[in-house]
Amino acid sequence: MIKNFKFQISNFKFQILIFLLVTCSLSLVTAADAKVYIDITSPAIRKIPISIKTNASFEAKVIESIIMNDLGFSGLFFFVAPEVSGAEIIVQSEVSVSADETIVLWSIIDLVENREVLKKRNSAPKKSIRAIAHNISNEVYKYVTEKEGIFRTKISYLVYSSQGNKDLYLMDWDGYSSTKVIPIGLTPSHAWAYNSDFLMYSSERNRGWKIYLLDLNDFREKLLFSSDGLNLVGNSSPQDEIAFSSSRDGNSEIYTISKNGSNLRKLTTSFGIDVSPVFSPDGSSIAFVSDRGGSPQIYIMDSNGRGIRRITFEGSYNTSPAWSPDGKWLAYAGMKDGKNQVFVIKSDETMLRQLTFNGNNESPSFSPDGLFIAFDSDRDGKRGIYIMRLKGDEQRRITPKEIKAMSPRWSPYFKN
């Protein structure tokens, strides 16, 4: 089992490093030179007509299809055939494949300004062609918005194994390149570190629920917290404090602990059950679930445990809070008409919106740009991972229908 675990970590390490080590050269434009076409915060976004030109090789067509999927899902572009006029941007590429690597020489041509604004050479191992395509998508997105794209991000999630475990997996944002990360024990809760340096997860081993960290710099697992009772990890703050719930004293309460295992603090003491704590993006607040009022509801408190206030008042069963990256919104799963649905609400308790309507939908998680939400749903008969835009449109399943998957967590941006 340990040997298999090390193999899975090694494979996971390779997947992460490919995203960080795609080589680039020949850049002709800086961020300061980029012309902004799209205000992604505008309620009436003008879509940009774009064409993709490439050579006829199989690898080139694969890259083209990935770029079209990436940029198309963003909702900011529409595609024009290369032989038809009307495009404002052209992405042009030449793809060559050697015995060891795929090499892509590509450029962005701005037809409005009538100039080539970016030219790069990307290379990576042959089996990592998707990383190159996602990198190109990110560059195009950044050119027209001056914002980072989410196309190189990852989603961690749980898969029910044939042995009845919930194993921790990792995949690209679009559902491809799935890799098992942690095959040992059940992992009902997991999260990315605020700065993407490590993954944290709860796992049952030797008849005890413990919280572990997986360092993404050296890919070593570290035991963070262990005690009697059920210990379920929440997330981390920018200050590397980790929130979790524990029933070590009999009742489930909210705690925080430093990344190095020191400074354990108990934040709540109530007759109810307090679970699912998540730091706000700036670390000043913690959202959590409590039934102290008679039914599970979302509450917010200061990071020191003071100033507790209830934020959800509609529905009798609201769980799984998740902050938007700007701290203005909370997504959560709420019971309505006997089924769980995904809702968003402003952190000031206003502008409640329901985003899903079919089947049971749970475990929402924001993308690092705040424009998309991952969640799980059983609408197709077997639970799987879905993504949607912030307003609830373009909902699509990204895990295969033959597996039962749940609890997605969208990664932060990876460091370059």
Protein backbone atom coordinates (compact mmCIF):
# COMPACT_ATOMS: atom_id res chain seq x y z
CA MET A 1 0.00 0.00 0.00
CA ILE A 2 2.80 2.46 0.93
CA LYS A 3 4.64 1.66 -2.32
CA ASN A 4 1.48 2.39 -4.31
CA PHE A 5 1.00 5.61 -2.36
CA LYS A 6 4.51 6.80 -3.29
CA PHE A 7 3.85 5.99 -6.95
CA GLN A 8 0.65 8.02 -6.94
CA ILE A 9 2.43 10.99 -5.33
CA SER A 10 5.19 10.78 -7.93
CA ASN A 11 2.63 10.83 -10.75
CA PHE A 12 0.82 13.73 -9.09
CA LYS A 13 4.15 15.59 -8.77
CA PHE A 14 4.76 15.20 -12.49
CA GLN A 15 1.33 16.63 -13.33
CA ILE A 16 1.93 19.73 -11.20
CA LEU A 17 5.46 20.33 -12.45
CA ILE A 18 4.38 20.20 -16.09
CA PHE A 19 2.05 23.12 -15.42
CA LEU A 20 4.92 25.06 -13.89
CA LEU A 21 7.71 24.12 -16.32
CA VAL A 22 6.23 24.66 -19.78
CA THR A 23 9.08 26.62 -21.34
CA CYS A 24 8.50 29.93 -23.10
CA SER A 25 10.58 32.32 -25.17
CA LEU A 26 10.35 35.00 -27.86
CA SER A 27 7.87 37.19 -26.00
CA LEU A 28 7.12 40.38 -27.92
CA VAL A 29 4.70 42.18 -25.60
CA THR A 30 4.45 43.06 -21.94
CA ALA A 31 1.35 43.38 -19.79
CA ALA A 32 1.69 47.15 -19.95
CA ASP A 33 1.43 47.03 -23.74
CA ALA A 34 -1.71 44.90 -23.76
CA LYS A 35 -4.85 46.54 -24.99
CA VAL A 36 -7.88 45.76 -22.84
CA TYR A 37 -10.89 44.78 -24.92
CA ILE A 38 -13.14 43.29 -22.24
CA ASP A 39 -14.25 44.46 -18.83
CA ILE A 40 -15.09 41.10 -17.27
CA THR A 41 -17.03 42.82 -14.47
CA SER A 42 -19.41 44.50 -16.90
CA PRO A 43 -23.01 43.21 -16.88
CA ALA A 44 -23.08 43.52 -20.69
CA ILE A 45 -19.88 41.95 -21.96
CA ARG A 46 -19.04 42.34 -25.63
CA LYS A 47 -17.77 39.03 -26.97
CA ILE A 48 -14.60 39.17 -29.03
CA PRO A 49 -14.59 37.44 -32.45
CA ILE A 50 -11.49 35.24 -32.65
CA SER A 51 -9.98 32.84 -35.21
CA ILE A 52 -7.52 30.00 -34.61
CA LYS A 53 -5.11 29.12 -37.40
CA THR A 54 -2.86 26.08 -37.17
CA ASN A 55 -1.17 23.43 -39.24
CA ALA A 56 -2.91 20.18 -40.11
CA SER A 57 -1.13 17.77 -37.74
CA PHE A 58 -3.09 15.71 -35.24
CA GLU A 59 -1.39 17.44 -32.30
CA ALA A 60 -2.19 20.86 -33.74
CA LYS A 61 -5.87 20.01 -34.00
CA VAL A 62 -5.89 18.72 -30.42
CA ILE A 63 -4.37 21.97 -29.19
CA GLU A 64 -6.87 23.95 -31.26
CA SER A 65 -9.84 22.09 -29.75
CA ILE A 66 -8.56 22.63 -26.20
CA ILE A 67 -8.08 26.35 -26.78
CA MET A 68 -11.58 26.63 -28.21
CA ASN A 69 -13.04 24.79 -25.22
CA ASP A 70 -11.14 27.01 -22.78
CA LEU A 71 -11.94 30.35 -24.35
CA GLY A 72 -15.47 29.33 -25.31
CA PHE A 73 -16.43 28.42 -21.76
CA SER A 74 -15.18 31.78 -20.51
CA GLY A 75 -18.11 33.41 -22.30
CA LEU A 76 -15.86 36.21 -23.58
CA PHE A 77 -15.20 34.98 -27.13
CA PHE A 78 -16.96 33.64 -30.18
CA PHE A 79 -15.14 31.81 -32.94
CA VAL A 80 -14.87 32.80 -36.58
CA ALA A 81 -13.57 30.38 -39.21
CA PRO A 82 -10.08 31.44 -40.39
CA GLU A 83 -11.26 31.76 -43.98
CA VAL A 84 -14.09 34.11 -42.98
CA SER A 85 -13.51 37.79 -42.24
CA GLY A 86 -14.72 39.41 -39.06
CA ALA A 87 -12.22 38.21 -36.46
CA GLU A 88 -10.53 40.82 -34.30
CA ILE A 89 -7.90 38.44 -32.97
CA ILE A 90 -6.08 35.56 -34.63
CA VAL A 91 -4.21 32.88 -32.70
CA GLN A 92 -1.71 31.34 -35.11
CA SER A 93 0.40 28.28 -34.32
CA GLU A 94 2.82 25.79 -35.81
CA VAL A 95 3.12 22.48 -33.98
CA SER A 96 5.99 20.03 -34.33
CA VAL A 97 6.59 16.79 -32.44
CA SER A 98 9.96 15.14 -31.80
CA ALA A 99 10.69 11.87 -30.07
CA ASP A 100 10.71 13.55 -26.67
CA GLU A 101 8.61 16.69 -26.80
CA THR A 102 5.94 18.79 -28.42
CA ILE A 103 7.03 22.23 -29.64
CA VAL A 104 4.55 24.99 -30.44
CA LEU A 105 5.52 28.29 -32.02
CA TRP A 106 2.49 30.53 -31.73
CA SER A 107 1.44 34.16 -31.84
CA ILE A 108 -1.46 36.50 -31.19
CA ILE A 109 -2.32 38.91 -34.00
CA ASP A 110 -4.50 41.90 -33.17
CA LEU A 111 -6.37 42.81 -36.35
CA VAL A 112 -7.82 45.97 -34.79
CA GLU A 113 -4.31 47.32 -34.22
CA ASN A 114 -3.01 45.43 -37.26
CA ARG A 115 0.03 43.98 -35.51
CA GLU A 116 1.46 40.85 -33.95
CA VAL A 117 1.27 41.50 -30.23
CA LEU A 118 2.68 38.30 -28.78
CA LYS A 119 4.93 35.53 -30.06
CA LYS A 120 6.09 32.58 -28.00
CA ARG A 121 7.61 29.14 -28.18
CA ASN A 122 6.22 26.52 -25.79
CA SER A 123 7.63 23.06 -25.31
CA ALA A 124 6.80 20.18 -22.99
CA PRO A 125 6.92 16.37 -22.92
CA LYS A 126 4.72 14.78 -25.59
CA LYS A 127 2.09 13.56 -23.16
CA SER A 128 1.68 17.06 -21.73
CA ILE A 129 0.21 18.67 -24.81
CA ARG A 130 -2.81 19.86 -22.80
CA ALA A 131 -0.57 21.98 -20.59
CA ILE A 132 0.71 23.84 -23.66
CA ALA A 133 -2.82 24.45 -24.94
CA HIS A 134 -4.02 25.74 -21.56
CA ASN A 135 -0.99 28.02 -21.41
CA ILE A 136 -1.88 29.55 -24.79
CA SER A 137 -5.49 30.04 -23.67
CA ASN A 138 -4.27 31.85 -20.58
CA GLU A 139 -2.11 34.19 -22.63
CA VAL A 140 -4.96 35.06 -25.00
CA TYR A 141 -7.33 35.64 -22.09
CA LYS A 142 -4.80 37.83 -20.31
CA TYR A 143 -4.15 39.90 -23.43
CA VAL A 144 -7.79 40.89 -23.84
CA THR A 145 -8.64 41.28 -20.13
CA GLU A 146 -5.38 41.97 -18.27
CA LYS A 147 -6.57 39.27 -15.85
CA GLU A 148 -5.21 35.82 -15.14
CA GLY A 149 -7.17 32.98 -16.73
CA ILE A 150 -8.13 29.79 -14.90
CA PHE A 151 -7.04 27.41 -17.66
CA ARG A 152 -3.91 26.19 -15.87
CA THR A 153 -5.70 25.62 -12.57
CA LYS A 154 -6.61 22.26 -11.05
CA ILE A 155 -9.59 20.82 -9.20
CA SER A 156 -9.18 18.31 -6.40
CA TYR A 157 -12.10 15.99 -5.73
CA LEU A 158 -13.13 12.68 -4.19
CA VAL A 159 -13.90 9.43 -6.00
CA TYR A 160 -15.65 6.41 -4.49
CA SER A 161 -13.35 3.44 -5.01
CA SER A 162 -14.44 -0.18 -5.50
CA GLN A 163 -13.32 -0.81 -1.89
CA GLY A 164 -15.72 1.82 -0.59
CA ASN A 165 -13.08 4.48 0.10
CA LYS A 166 -13.26 8.08 -0.95
CA ASP A 167 -9.92 8.63 -2.68
CA LEU A 168 -8.50 12.08 -3.39
CA TYR A 169 -7.95 12.89 -7.08
CA LEU A 170 -6.70 15.85 -9.04
CA MET A 171 -7.68 16.98 -12.56
CA ASP A 172 -7.37 19.92 -14.92
CA TRP A 173 -10.11 22.53 -14.65
CA ASP A 174 -11.87 20.96 -17.65
CA GLY A 175 -11.89 17.41 -16.22
CA TYR A 176 -8.90 15.95 -18.08
CA SER A 177 -5.57 14.56 -16.80
CA SER A 178 -7.11 12.95 -13.72
CA THR A 179 -4.60 11.61 -11.18
CA LYS A 180 -5.12 9.82 -7.88
CA VAL A 181 -3.29 11.70 -5.14
CA ILE A 182 -4.14 10.00 -1.86
CA PRO A 183 -5.29 6.35 -2.03
CA ILE A 184 -5.01 5.65 1.70
CA GLY A 185 -8.13 5.88 3.86
CA LEU A 186 -11.23 8.02 3.56
CA THR A 187 -10.85 11.73 2.86
CA PRO A 188 -14.22 13.39 3.40
CA SER A 189 -12.74 16.89 3.63
CA HIS A 190 -9.87 18.50 1.75
CA ALA A 191 -8.68 21.92 0.58
CA TRP A 192 -5.89 23.80 -1.15
CA ALA A 193 -3.63 26.11 0.77
CA TYR A 194 -4.31 29.78 0.14
CA ASN A 195 -1.03 30.16 -1.79
CA SER A 196 -1.19 26.71 -3.51
CA ASP A 197 1.88 25.46 -1.59
CA PHE A 198 0.14 22.44 -0.09
CA LEU A 199 -2.99 20.33 0.01
CA MET A 200 -4.69 19.52 3.30
CA TYR A 201 -7.06 16.65 3.95
CA SER A 202 -8.65 14.50 6.63
CA SER A 203 -8.04 10.77 6.53
CA GLU A 204 -9.04 7.81 8.67
CA ARG A 205 -5.99 5.73 9.49
CA ASN A 206 -5.49 3.27 12.33
CA ARG A 207 -9.07 3.90 13.44
CA GLY A 208 -8.49 7.58 13.96
CA TRP A 209 -9.41 10.70 12.02
CA LYS A 210 -6.32 12.84 11.41
CA ILE A 211 -5.49 15.95 9.40
CA TYR A 212 -2.54 15.83 6.99
CA LEU A 213 -0.65 18.29 4.81
CA LEU A 214 0.91 17.40 1.46
CA ASP A 215 3.70 19.86 0.67
CA LEU A 216 3.63 20.63 -3.05
CA ASN A 217 7.25 21.79 -3.01
CA ASP A 218 8.81 18.48 -1.90
CA PHE A 219 5.67 16.27 -2.08
CA ARG A 220 6.01 14.98 1.45
CA GLU A 221 3.04 14.21 3.65
CA LYS A 222 2.99 15.65 7.16
CA LEU A 223 0.66 14.87 10.06
CA LEU A 224 -0.81 18.18 11.23
CA PHE A 225 -3.36 17.23 13.88
CA SER A 226 -4.54 14.08 15.61
CA SER A 227 -6.97 13.57 18.50
CA ASP A 228 -9.90 11.46 19.57
CA GLY A 229 -13.14 12.18 17.76
CA LEU A 230 -13.81 13.38 14.22
CA ASN A 231 -11.34 15.93 12.83
CA LEU A 232 -12.30 17.54 9.53
CA VAL A 233 -10.18 20.17 7.82
CA GLY A 234 -11.65 23.42 6.51
CA ASN A 235 -9.16 25.66 4.69
CA SER A 236 -6.20 27.98 5.31
CA SER A 237 -5.76 31.73 5.63
CA PRO A 238 -3.14 33.93 3.93
CA GLN A 239 -1.34 33.81 7.29
CA ASP A 240 -1.07 29.98 7.06
CA GLU A 241 -3.58 29.39 9.83
CA ILE A 242 -5.72 26.30 9.19
CA ALA A 243 -9.36 26.08 10.27
CA PHE A 244 -10.93 22.73 11.14
CA SER A 245 -13.68 21.16 13.19
CA SER A 246 -13.05 18.59 15.91
CA SER A 247 -15.14 16.61 18.37
CA ARG A 248 -12.09 16.02 20.59
CA ASP A 249 -14.02 17.33 23.62
CA GLY A 250 -17.23 15.50 22.73
CA ASN A 251 -19.03 18.21 20.78
CA SER A 252 -17.94 19.37 17.32
CA GLU A 253 -16.39 22.85 17.56
CA ILE A 254 -14.27 25.13 15.36
CA TYR A 255 -10.50 25.34 15.88
CA THR A 256 -7.53 26.93 14.17
CA ILE A 257 -3.92 25.79 14.13
CA SER A 258 -0.74 27.09 12.53
CA LYS A 259 0.72 25.31 9.52
CA ASN A 260 3.61 24.06 11.69
CA GLY A 261 1.20 22.47 14.16
CA SER A 262 1.50 25.12 16.88
CA ASN A 263 -0.92 27.69 18.30
CA LEU A 264 -4.03 25.51 18.58
CA ARG A 265 -7.04 27.70 19.36
CA LYS A 266 -10.65 26.76 20.09
CA LEU A 267 -12.97 29.39 18.62
CA THR A 268 -16.49 28.16 19.37
CA THR A 269 -18.26 26.66 22.36
CA SER A 270 -21.93 25.97 21.82
CA PHE A 271 -24.60 23.38 22.48
CA GLY A 272 -24.95 22.95 18.74
CA ILE A 273 -22.65 21.26 16.23
CA ASP A 274 -20.16 23.59 14.53
CA VAL A 275 -18.47 22.32 11.35
CA SER A 276 -17.13 23.28 7.88
CA PRO A 277 -15.06 26.37 8.80
CA VAL A 278 -13.56 28.38 5.91
CA PHE A 279 -11.40 31.49 6.18
CA SER A 280 -12.33 34.51 4.11
CA PRO A 281 -9.73 35.39 1.43
CA ASP A 282 -8.13 38.06 3.64
CA GLY A 283 -8.16 35.82 6.72
CA SER A 284 -10.22 38.25 8.80
CA SER A 285 -13.40 36.12 9.01
CA ILE A 286 -14.49 32.50 9.13
CA ALA A 287 -17.74 31.15 7.69
CA PHE A 288 -19.01 27.90 9.20
CA VAL A 289 -22.08 25.73 9.65
CA SER A 290 -23.90 25.43 12.97
CA ASP A 291 -27.20 24.04 14.16
CA ARG A 292 -27.14 26.18 17.31
CA GLY A 293 -30.37 27.82 16.13
CA GLY A 294 -32.17 24.49 15.63
CA SER A 295 -31.17 23.67 12.05
CA PRO A 296 -27.91 23.79 10.04
CA GLN A 297 -27.26 27.36 8.88
CA ILE A 298 -24.31 29.43 7.67
CA TYR A 299 -22.67 31.76 10.18
CA ILE A 300 -19.76 34.20 9.96
CA MET A 301 -17.41 35.16 12.80
CA ASP A 302 -14.20 37.11 13.18
CA SER A 303 -11.08 34.97 12.89
CA ASN A 304 -10.64 35.19 16.67
CA GLY A 305 -14.07 33.63 17.27
CA ARG A 306 -15.89 36.85 18.16
CA GLY A 307 -18.73 38.65 16.42
CA ILE A 308 -20.70 35.54 15.39
CA ARG A 309 -23.65 36.33 13.14
CA ARG A 310 -26.03 34.21 11.11
CA ILE A 311 -26.09 34.85 7.37
CA THR A 312 -28.68 32.39 5.96
CA PHE A 313 -32.33 32.66 6.94
CA GLU A 314 -34.14 31.03 4.01
CA GLY A 315 -34.43 27.23 4.13
CA SER A 316 -33.99 24.84 7.04
CA TYR A 317 -30.77 23.11 5.93
CA ASN A 318 -27.83 25.15 4.61
CA THR A 319 -24.26 23.79 4.51
CA SER A 320 -20.88 23.81 2.68
CA PRO A 321 -19.98 27.51 2.63
CA ALA A 322 -17.34 28.73 0.14
CA TRP A 323 -16.00 32.28 -0.22
CA SER A 324 -15.53 34.06 -3.52
CA PRO A 325 -11.92 35.25 -4.03
CA ASP A 326 -12.91 38.89 -3.47
CA GLY A 327 -14.71 38.04 -0.22
CA LYS A 328 -17.98 39.58 -1.38
CA TRP A 329 -19.96 36.36 -1.95
CA LEU A 330 -20.57 33.04 -0.25
CA ALA A 331 -21.73 29.99 -2.15
CA TYR A 332 -23.42 27.21 -0.22
CA ALA A 333 -25.68 24.18 -0.56
CA GLY A 334 -29.24 24.68 0.66
CA MET A 335 -32.24 22.39 0.86
CA LYS A 336 -35.23 23.42 -1.24
CA ASP A 337 -38.25 21.29 -2.08
CA GLY A 338 -36.50 18.23 -0.68
CA LYS A 339 -33.30 18.59 -2.73
CA ASN A 340 -29.97 20.33 -2.21
CA GLN A 341 -29.24 23.25 -4.52
CA VAL A 342 -26.35 25.68 -4.91
CA PHE A 343 -27.01 29.26 -3.81
CA VAL A 344 -24.89 32.40 -3.61
CA ILE A 345 -25.40 35.26 -1.19
CA LYS A 346 -23.45 38.42 -0.47
CA SER A 347 -21.55 38.38 2.80
CA ASP A 348 -23.74 41.26 3.98
CA GLU A 349 -26.77 38.89 3.70
CA THR A 350 -28.17 40.49 0.52
CA MET A 351 -28.75 39.38 -3.09
CA LEU A 352 -29.52 35.71 -2.47
CA ARG A 353 -29.60 33.74 -5.77
CA GLN A 354 -30.32 30.10 -6.57
CA LEU A 355 -28.00 28.74 -9.29
CA THR A 356 -29.01 25.06 -9.69
CA PHE A 357 -32.44 23.48 -10.05
CA ASN A 358 -32.08 19.84 -11.20
CA GLY A 359 -31.15 16.95 -8.93
CA ASN A 360 -29.12 17.33 -5.74
CA ASN A 361 -26.27 19.83 -6.01
CA GLU A 362 -23.66 20.34 -3.29
CA SER A 363 -20.08 21.32 -2.36
CA PRO A 364 -19.67 24.58 -4.33
CA SER A 365 -16.15 25.94 -4.86
CA PHE A 366 -15.17 29.19 -6.60
CA SER A 367 -12.51 29.41 -9.29
CA PRO A 368 -9.61 31.71 -8.33
CA ASP A 369 -10.94 34.51 -10.56
CA GLY A 370 -14.40 34.24 -8.99
CA LEU A 371 -16.14 33.83 -12.35
CA PHE A 372 -16.91 30.10 -12.15
CA ILE A 373 -18.12 27.57 -9.58
CA ALA A 374 -17.42 23.86 -9.36
CA PHE A 375 -19.92 21.64 -7.56
CA ASP A 376 -21.14 18.05 -7.46
CA SER A 377 -24.52 16.81 -8.63
CA ASP A 378 -26.51 13.58 -9.02
CA ARG A 379 -28.72 14.99 -11.82
CA ASP A 380 -27.49 12.34 -14.28
CA GLY A 381 -28.11 9.43 -11.92
CA LYS A 382 -24.56 9.07 -10.57
CA ARG A 383 -22.91 11.89 -8.64
CA GLY A 384 -20.24 13.75 -10.58
CA ILE A 385 -18.33 17.03 -10.74
CA TYR A 386 -19.82 19.96 -12.67
CA ILE A 387 -18.74 23.51 -13.40
CA MET A 388 -20.80 26.58 -14.25
CA ARG A 389 -20.40 30.28 -14.75
CA LEU A 390 -21.04 32.57 -11.80
CA LYS A 391 -24.59 33.36 -12.90
CA GLY A 392 -25.45 29.67 -13.12
CA ASP A 393 -25.31 29.32 -16.90
CA GLU A 394 -23.32 26.81 -18.99
CA GLN A 395 -23.50 23.99 -16.43
CA ARG A 396 -21.50 21.00 -17.63
CA ARG A 397 -20.29 17.71 -16.19
CA ILE A 398 -16.50 17.28 -16.29
CA THR A 399 -16.04 13.82 -14.71
CA PRO A 400 -16.95 10.57 -16.52
CA LYS A 401 -20.40 9.18 -15.87
CA GLU A 402 -18.99 5.77 -14.94
CA ILE A 403 -17.37 7.11 -11.74
CA LYS A 404 -18.98 8.53 -8.61
CA ALA A 405 -17.24 11.80 -7.80
CA MET A 406 -17.92 14.51 -5.23
CA SER A 407 -16.56 17.46 -3.20
CA PRO A 408 -14.61 19.55 -5.76
CA ARG A 409 -12.13 22.15 -4.55
CA TRP A 410 -10.79 24.60 -7.13
CA SER A 411 -7.09 25.38 -6.80
CA PRO A 412 -5.62 28.88 -6.48
CA TYR A 413 -3.43 30.15 -9.28
CA PHE A 414 -0.13 28.28 -9.42
CA LYS A 415 3.06 30.23 -8.94
CA ASN A 416 5.11 30.75 -12.08
